[in-house]
Structures are given as structure tokens and as C-alpha cells.
Amino acid sequence: VEYFGASKGLWISTKVLKVNEDGTYDLACKPRVLSGNMRKTSQKEAAVDVKGPVFNVGDSVEYFGASQGRWIPAKVLSVTASG
């Protein structure tokens, strides 16, 4: 799976170690994670080595607002050379 690390603003590849009674998950990178902060990585996605920008100006995207605890719609205004 991948875990969204709000402090870094990145999806982090990790493993589920345990499903807790309260419905949270213990991951290799962090305990007691809610399912909304995780996503399954498809084998196709995991095998792709992305080169160049991942997003283009004008793309509709979402970002996880840690302070609000939810995904927020946004639009890409600019793209750096590293994507």
C-alpha cells in the first residue's frame, strides 16, 4: 500500500503489519493509520518509472489538507522541472 504522509505531502510505499480492532492499520512506517490516508498501489503503477512532469498547468488535482483532515480540490498553476 501507499500511505499519505501529510507532514511531507507525499505518498509513501509501505506494508500493512496489522489491522487494529478500532479499524486503523499499523503500517511499517506508522501505527494506527486511518484507511482514508492509504491507497492500494497497482502493480502497473509500481512498475512505471515516471520521467518528466507528472502534472500539467491547468490540471485539476486534490491535495490532503492535514489541518482540515480532508482532500481539497485544487488546480495546478505552475510546474517545476522536477514535476
C-alpha atoms as a PDB file:
ATOM      1  CA  VAL A   1       0.000   0.000   0.000  1.00  0.00           C
ATOM      2  CA  GLU A   2       0.887   3.641  -0.009  1.00  0.00           C
ATOM      3  CA  TYR A   3       0.399   5.963   2.951  1.00  0.00           C
ATOM      4  CA  PHE A   4      -0.096   9.710   2.565  1.00  0.00           C
ATOM      5  CA  GLY A   5       2.433  11.368   4.852  1.00  0.00           C
ATOM      6  CA  ALA A   6       0.809  14.751   5.484  1.00  0.00           C
ATOM      7  CA  SER A   7       3.937  16.215   7.070  1.00  0.00           C
ATOM      8  CA  LYS A   8       5.905  15.535   3.870  1.00  0.00           C
ATOM      9  CA  GLY A   9       2.974  15.854   1.478  1.00  0.00           C
ATOM     10  CA  LEU A  10       3.947  12.613  -0.272  1.00  0.00           C
ATOM     11  CA  TRP A  11       2.630   9.105  -0.829  1.00  0.00           C
ATOM     12  CA  ILE A  12       4.993   6.636   0.876  1.00  0.00           C
ATOM     13  CA  SER A  13       5.270   2.969  -0.140  1.00  0.00           C
ATOM     14  CA  THR A  14       4.854   0.745   2.910  1.00  0.00           C
ATOM     15  CA  LYS A  15       3.356  -2.510   4.195  1.00  0.00           C
ATOM     16  CA  VAL A  16       0.366  -3.256   6.401  1.00  0.00           C
ATOM     17  CA  LEU A  17       1.578  -5.051   9.516  1.00  0.00           C
ATOM     18  CA  LYS A  18      -1.694  -5.301  11.442  1.00  0.00           C
ATOM     19  CA  VAL A  19      -5.395  -4.404  11.326  1.00  0.00           C
ATOM     20  CA  ASN A  20      -6.430  -2.957  14.686  1.00  0.00           C
ATOM     21  CA  GLU A  21      -9.778  -3.520  16.443  1.00  0.00           C
ATOM     22  CA  ASP A  22     -10.625   0.185  16.090  1.00  0.00           C
ATOM     23  CA  GLY A  23     -10.418  -0.067  12.280  1.00  0.00           C
ATOM     24  CA  THR A  24      -7.000   1.579  11.967  1.00  0.00           C
ATOM     25  CA  TYR A  25      -3.937  -0.060  10.450  1.00  0.00           C
ATOM     26  CA  ASP A  26      -0.403  -0.436  11.754  1.00  0.00           C
ATOM     27  CA  LEU A  27       1.925   0.222   8.830  1.00  0.00           C
ATOM     28  CA  ALA A  28       5.656  -0.353   8.615  1.00  0.00           C
ATOM     29  CA  CYS A  29       6.093   3.444   8.650  1.00  0.00           C
ATOM     30  CA  LYS A  30       3.408   4.467  11.177  1.00  0.00           C
ATOM     31  CA  PRO A  31       0.927   2.904  13.638  1.00  0.00           C
ATOM     32  CA  ARG A  32      -2.847   3.487  13.807  1.00  0.00           C
ATOM     33  CA  VAL A  33      -3.396   4.910  10.316  1.00  0.00           C
ATOM     34  CA  LEU A  34      -6.944   5.555   9.063  1.00  0.00           C
ATOM     35  CA  SER A  35      -7.884   3.899   5.776  1.00  0.00           C
ATOM     36  CA  GLY A  36      -8.518   7.320   4.201  1.00  0.00           C
ATOM     37  CA  ASN A  37      -4.771   8.008   4.346  1.00  0.00           C
ATOM     38  CA  MET A  38      -3.905   4.815   2.466  1.00  0.00           C
ATOM     39  CA  ARG A  39      -4.291   3.579  -1.080  1.00  0.00           C
ATOM     40  CA  LYS A  40      -3.552   0.329  -2.821  1.00  0.00           C
ATOM     41  CA  THR A  41      -0.726   0.524  -5.333  1.00  0.00           C
ATOM     42  CA  SER A  42      -1.440  -1.336  -8.537  1.00  0.00           C
ATOM     43  CA  GLN A  43       1.393  -3.437  -9.927  1.00  0.00           C
ATOM     44  CA  LYS A  44       1.259  -1.363 -13.099  1.00  0.00           C
ATOM     45  CA  GLU A  45       1.737   1.897 -11.166  1.00  0.00           C
ATOM     46  CA  ALA A  46       4.523   0.403  -9.085  1.00  0.00           C
ATOM     47  CA  ALA A  47       6.398  -0.707 -12.196  1.00  0.00           C
ATOM     48  CA  VAL A  48       6.229   2.635 -14.020  1.00  0.00           C
ATOM     49  CA  ASP A  49       9.274   4.890 -13.822  1.00  0.00           C
ATOM     50  CA  VAL A  50       7.871   8.356 -14.454  1.00  0.00           C
ATOM     51  CA  LYS A  51      10.108  10.797 -16.316  1.00  0.00           C
ATOM     52  CA  GLY A  52       9.233  14.462 -16.720  1.00  0.00           C
ATOM     53  CA  PRO A  53       6.330  16.363 -15.196  1.00  0.00           C
ATOM     54  CA  VAL A  54       3.576  14.339 -13.590  1.00  0.00           C
ATOM     55  CA  PHE A  55       1.133  17.263 -13.722  1.00  0.00           C
ATOM     56  CA  ASN A  56       0.439  19.938 -16.306  1.00  0.00           C
ATOM     57  CA  VAL A  57      -0.672  23.527 -15.783  1.00  0.00           C
ATOM     58  CA  GLY A  58      -4.458  23.599 -15.558  1.00  0.00           C
ATOM     59  CA  ASP A  59      -4.837  20.004 -14.306  1.00  0.00           C
ATOM     60  CA  SER A  60      -7.492  19.513 -11.644  1.00  0.00           C
ATOM     61  CA  VAL A  61      -5.955  17.791  -8.621  1.00  0.00           C
ATOM     62  CA  GLU A  62      -6.591  17.234  -4.929  1.00  0.00           C
ATOM     63  CA  TYR A  63      -4.249  17.713  -2.023  1.00  0.00           C
ATOM     64  CA  PHE A  64      -4.603  16.436   1.515  1.00  0.00           C
ATOM     65  CA  GLY A  65      -5.026  19.347   3.931  1.00  0.00           C
ATOM     66  CA  ALA A  66      -3.628  17.915   7.168  1.00  0.00           C
ATOM     67  CA  SER A  67      -5.056  20.715   9.287  1.00  0.00           C
ATOM     68  CA  GLN A  68      -8.543  20.093   7.854  1.00  0.00           C
ATOM     69  CA  GLY A  69      -8.114  16.318   7.676  1.00  0.00           C
ATOM     70  CA  ARG A  70      -9.589  16.054   4.185  1.00  0.00           C
ATOM     71  CA  TRP A  71      -8.829  16.163   0.442  1.00  0.00           C
ATOM     72  CA  ILE A  72      -9.206  19.645  -1.046  1.00  0.00           C
ATOM     73  CA  PRO A  73      -9.819  20.318  -4.770  1.00  0.00           C
ATOM     74  CA  ALA A  74      -7.111  22.419  -6.426  1.00  0.00           C
ATOM     75  CA  LYS A  75      -5.732  23.379  -9.830  1.00  0.00           C
ATOM     76  CA  VAL A  76      -2.084  23.228 -10.954  1.00  0.00           C
ATOM     77  CA  LEU A  77      -0.867  26.790 -11.531  1.00  0.00           C
ATOM     78  CA  SER A  78       2.756  26.016 -12.418  1.00  0.00           C
ATOM     79  CA  VAL A  79       5.114  23.042 -12.796  1.00  0.00           C
ATOM     80  CA  THR A  80       8.794  22.874 -11.832  1.00  0.00           C
ATOM     81  CA  ALA A  81      11.416  20.997 -13.866  1.00  0.00           C
ATOM     82  CA  SER A  82      11.240  18.104 -11.370  1.00  0.00           C
ATOM     83  CA  GLY A  83       7.465  17.821 -11.806  1.00  0.00           C
END
